[in-house]
N, C-alpha and C. Protein backbone atom coordinates (compact mmCIF):
# COMPACT_ATOMS: atom_id res chain seq x y z
N MET A 1 -2.19 -14.98 13.19
CA MET A 1 -1.54 -16.13 12.57
C MET A 1 -2.61 -17.14 12.16
N THR A 2 -2.40 -17.78 11.04
CA THR A 2 -3.31 -18.79 10.51
C THR A 2 -3.24 -20.05 11.35
N GLU A 3 -4.39 -20.61 11.62
CA GLU A 3 -4.47 -21.86 12.40
C GLU A 3 -4.15 -23.04 11.48
N PRO A 4 -3.17 -23.89 11.85
CA PRO A 4 -2.83 -25.02 10.98
C PRO A 4 -3.91 -26.10 10.99
N THR A 5 -4.05 -26.75 9.85
CA THR A 5 -4.95 -27.88 9.71
C THR A 5 -4.33 -29.12 10.35
N ARG A 6 -3.01 -29.22 10.22
CA ARG A 6 -2.27 -30.38 10.73
C ARG A 6 -0.87 -29.94 11.14
N THR A 7 -0.29 -30.67 12.09
CA THR A 7 1.07 -30.39 12.55
C THR A 7 1.95 -31.62 12.37
N VAL A 8 3.15 -31.40 11.86
CA VAL A 8 4.16 -32.46 11.75
C VAL A 8 5.31 -32.07 12.68
N ASP A 9 5.64 -32.96 13.61
CA ASP A 9 6.77 -32.72 14.50
C ASP A 9 7.94 -33.57 14.03
N ALA A 10 8.89 -32.92 13.36
CA ALA A 10 10.07 -33.62 12.84
C ALA A 10 11.29 -33.35 13.72
N SER A 11 11.05 -33.00 14.97
CA SER A 11 12.14 -32.73 15.91
C SER A 11 13.04 -33.95 16.04
N GLY A 12 14.35 -33.70 16.04
CA GLY A 12 15.31 -34.78 16.21
C GLY A 12 15.63 -35.53 14.93
N LEU A 13 14.95 -35.22 13.84
CA LEU A 13 15.21 -35.89 12.57
C LEU A 13 16.19 -35.09 11.74
N ALA A 14 17.13 -35.78 11.09
CA ALA A 14 18.11 -35.12 10.24
C ALA A 14 17.65 -35.17 8.79
N CYS A 15 18.22 -34.31 7.99
CA CYS A 15 17.94 -34.25 6.56
C CYS A 15 18.15 -35.64 5.95
N PRO A 16 17.26 -36.10 5.12
CA PRO A 16 16.14 -35.43 4.49
C PRO A 16 14.79 -35.67 5.16
N MET A 17 14.78 -36.26 6.34
CA MET A 17 13.51 -36.69 6.94
C MET A 17 12.50 -35.56 7.21
N PRO A 18 12.92 -34.36 7.64
CA PRO A 18 11.90 -33.32 7.80
C PRO A 18 11.14 -33.02 6.50
N ILE A 19 11.85 -33.03 5.38
CA ILE A 19 11.19 -32.80 4.09
C ILE A 19 10.30 -33.99 3.73
N VAL A 20 10.77 -35.19 3.97
CA VAL A 20 9.98 -36.39 3.67
C VAL A 20 8.67 -36.36 4.46
N ARG A 21 8.75 -36.08 5.75
CA ARG A 21 7.54 -36.02 6.59
C ARG A 21 6.62 -34.88 6.15
N THR A 22 7.21 -33.75 5.78
CA THR A 22 6.43 -32.60 5.32
C THR A 22 5.68 -32.95 4.05
N ARG A 23 6.38 -33.57 3.11
CA ARG A 23 5.75 -33.96 1.84
C ARG A 23 4.61 -34.94 2.07
N GLN A 24 4.82 -35.93 2.91
CA GLN A 24 3.78 -36.92 3.18
C GLN A 24 2.54 -36.25 3.77
N ALA A 25 2.75 -35.34 4.70
CA ALA A 25 1.63 -34.68 5.37
C ALA A 25 0.89 -33.74 4.43
N ILE A 26 1.61 -32.97 3.64
CA ILE A 26 0.94 -32.00 2.78
C ILE A 26 0.18 -32.69 1.66
N ASP A 27 0.63 -33.87 1.25
CA ASP A 27 -0.09 -34.65 0.24
C ASP A 27 -1.48 -35.03 0.71
N GLU A 28 -1.68 -35.12 2.01
CA GLU A 28 -2.97 -35.51 2.58
C GLU A 28 -3.91 -34.32 2.79
N LEU A 29 -3.41 -33.10 2.59
CA LEU A 29 -4.22 -31.91 2.79
C LEU A 29 -4.88 -31.48 1.48
N ALA A 30 -5.97 -30.73 1.61
CA ALA A 30 -6.63 -30.14 0.45
C ALA A 30 -5.96 -28.81 0.14
N ARG A 31 -6.06 -28.39 -1.10
CA ARG A 31 -5.50 -27.10 -1.51
C ARG A 31 -6.03 -25.99 -0.60
N GLY A 32 -5.13 -25.14 -0.13
CA GLY A 32 -5.52 -24.03 0.74
C GLY A 32 -5.40 -24.33 2.22
N GLN A 33 -5.29 -25.61 2.58
CA GLN A 33 -5.13 -25.95 3.99
C GLN A 33 -3.69 -25.68 4.41
N VAL A 34 -3.48 -25.55 5.72
CA VAL A 34 -2.18 -25.12 6.25
C VAL A 34 -1.53 -26.21 7.10
N LEU A 35 -0.26 -26.44 6.84
CA LEU A 35 0.53 -27.42 7.58
C LEU A 35 1.55 -26.69 8.44
N GLU A 36 1.62 -27.07 9.70
CA GLU A 36 2.66 -26.56 10.60
C GLU A 36 3.74 -27.63 10.69
N VAL A 37 4.99 -27.22 10.52
CA VAL A 37 6.12 -28.14 10.61
C VAL A 37 7.05 -27.65 11.70
N ILE A 38 7.43 -28.55 12.60
CA ILE A 38 8.38 -28.25 13.66
C ILE A 38 9.61 -29.13 13.43
N ALA A 39 10.77 -28.50 13.35
CA ALA A 39 12.01 -29.23 13.09
C ALA A 39 13.13 -28.70 13.98
N THR A 40 14.14 -29.53 14.18
CA THR A 40 15.32 -29.09 14.92
C THR A 40 16.55 -29.08 14.01
N ASP A 41 16.42 -29.62 12.83
CA ASP A 41 17.53 -29.68 11.86
C ASP A 41 17.74 -28.30 11.23
N ARG A 42 18.94 -27.74 11.43
CA ARG A 42 19.25 -26.41 10.90
C ARG A 42 19.10 -26.35 9.39
N GLY A 43 19.31 -27.46 8.73
CA GLY A 43 19.16 -27.51 7.27
C GLY A 43 17.75 -27.19 6.80
N SER A 44 16.79 -27.34 7.70
CA SER A 44 15.40 -27.05 7.32
C SER A 44 15.21 -25.57 6.99
N LEU A 45 16.11 -24.71 7.50
CA LEU A 45 16.03 -23.27 7.22
C LEU A 45 16.06 -22.96 5.73
N THR A 46 16.82 -23.73 4.98
CA THR A 46 16.85 -23.54 3.54
C THR A 46 16.01 -24.57 2.82
N ASP A 47 15.99 -25.81 3.33
CA ASP A 47 15.29 -26.90 2.65
C ASP A 47 13.79 -26.68 2.55
N ILE A 48 13.15 -26.33 3.64
CA ILE A 48 11.68 -26.25 3.64
C ILE A 48 11.19 -25.07 2.79
N PRO A 49 11.72 -23.85 2.94
CA PRO A 49 11.25 -22.77 2.06
C PRO A 49 11.49 -23.07 0.58
N SER A 50 12.65 -23.64 0.25
CA SER A 50 12.96 -23.97 -1.14
C SER A 50 12.02 -25.03 -1.68
N TRP A 51 11.77 -26.07 -0.89
CA TRP A 51 10.87 -27.15 -1.29
C TRP A 51 9.46 -26.60 -1.52
N ALA A 52 8.97 -25.79 -0.60
CA ALA A 52 7.62 -25.23 -0.72
C ALA A 52 7.49 -24.40 -1.99
N ASP A 53 8.47 -23.55 -2.25
CA ASP A 53 8.45 -22.69 -3.43
C ASP A 53 8.48 -23.52 -4.72
N THR A 54 9.33 -24.51 -4.76
CA THR A 54 9.47 -25.36 -5.94
C THR A 54 8.16 -26.06 -6.29
N LEU A 55 7.40 -26.47 -5.28
CA LEU A 55 6.17 -27.22 -5.53
C LEU A 55 4.92 -26.35 -5.55
N GLY A 56 5.09 -25.05 -5.43
CA GLY A 56 3.94 -24.15 -5.54
C GLY A 56 3.15 -23.95 -4.26
N HIS A 57 3.74 -24.30 -3.13
CA HIS A 57 3.11 -24.05 -1.84
C HIS A 57 3.57 -22.68 -1.33
N VAL A 58 2.86 -22.12 -0.36
CA VAL A 58 3.20 -20.79 0.14
C VAL A 58 3.70 -20.90 1.57
N LEU A 59 4.92 -20.42 1.80
CA LEU A 59 5.45 -20.37 3.16
C LEU A 59 4.87 -19.13 3.82
N LEU A 60 3.96 -19.34 4.77
CA LEU A 60 3.29 -18.23 5.44
C LEU A 60 4.11 -17.66 6.58
N TYR A 61 4.92 -18.52 7.19
CA TYR A 61 5.55 -18.13 8.45
C TYR A 61 6.75 -19.04 8.70
N ALA A 62 7.81 -18.46 9.19
CA ALA A 62 8.99 -19.24 9.59
C ALA A 62 9.62 -18.52 10.77
N ARG A 63 9.91 -19.28 11.83
CA ARG A 63 10.58 -18.66 12.99
C ARG A 63 11.48 -19.69 13.67
N HIS A 64 12.46 -19.16 14.38
CA HIS A 64 13.38 -19.99 15.15
C HIS A 64 13.17 -19.63 16.61
N GLU A 65 12.89 -20.63 17.42
CA GLU A 65 12.68 -20.38 18.85
C GLU A 65 13.19 -21.57 19.66
N SER A 66 14.02 -21.29 20.61
CA SER A 66 14.51 -22.32 21.54
C SER A 66 15.02 -23.57 20.85
N GLY A 67 15.81 -23.40 19.80
CA GLY A 67 16.39 -24.56 19.12
C GLY A 67 15.45 -25.28 18.18
N ARG A 68 14.25 -24.73 18.00
CA ARG A 68 13.28 -25.33 17.08
C ARG A 68 12.98 -24.35 15.95
N TYR A 69 12.70 -24.91 14.79
CA TYR A 69 12.30 -24.13 13.62
C TYR A 69 10.84 -24.46 13.35
N VAL A 70 10.02 -23.44 13.26
CA VAL A 70 8.58 -23.64 13.08
C VAL A 70 8.17 -22.98 11.77
N TYR A 71 7.44 -23.72 10.93
CA TYR A 71 7.01 -23.24 9.62
C TYR A 71 5.51 -23.45 9.47
N LEU A 72 4.85 -22.52 8.80
CA LEU A 72 3.47 -22.69 8.36
C LEU A 72 3.48 -22.65 6.85
N ILE A 73 2.94 -23.71 6.23
CA ILE A 73 2.95 -23.84 4.78
C ILE A 73 1.52 -24.03 4.31
N LYS A 74 1.09 -23.16 3.39
CA LYS A 74 -0.25 -23.28 2.79
C LYS A 74 -0.11 -24.08 1.51
N LYS A 75 -0.92 -25.15 1.41
CA LYS A 75 -0.84 -26.00 0.23
C LYS A 75 -1.36 -25.26 -0.99
N GLY A 76 -0.54 -25.29 -2.05
CA GLY A 76 -0.88 -24.61 -3.29
C GLY A 76 -1.60 -25.53 -4.26
């Protein structure tokens, strides 16, 4: 698994805040760097992959574990 450059913990936040936090964090990364996002909002299952694809980022990894959704996104 790719080591993230930065981690955003959006646990406990409802839509649209996980996307807002993700966008803010990825804007600070250089192209090719990896962001890890942790969320508890079930909506993130569709929101984050769709958002990443729309903006040209690559979703490297997505998993659900113990009520948390974990994503690795490579900045495009």
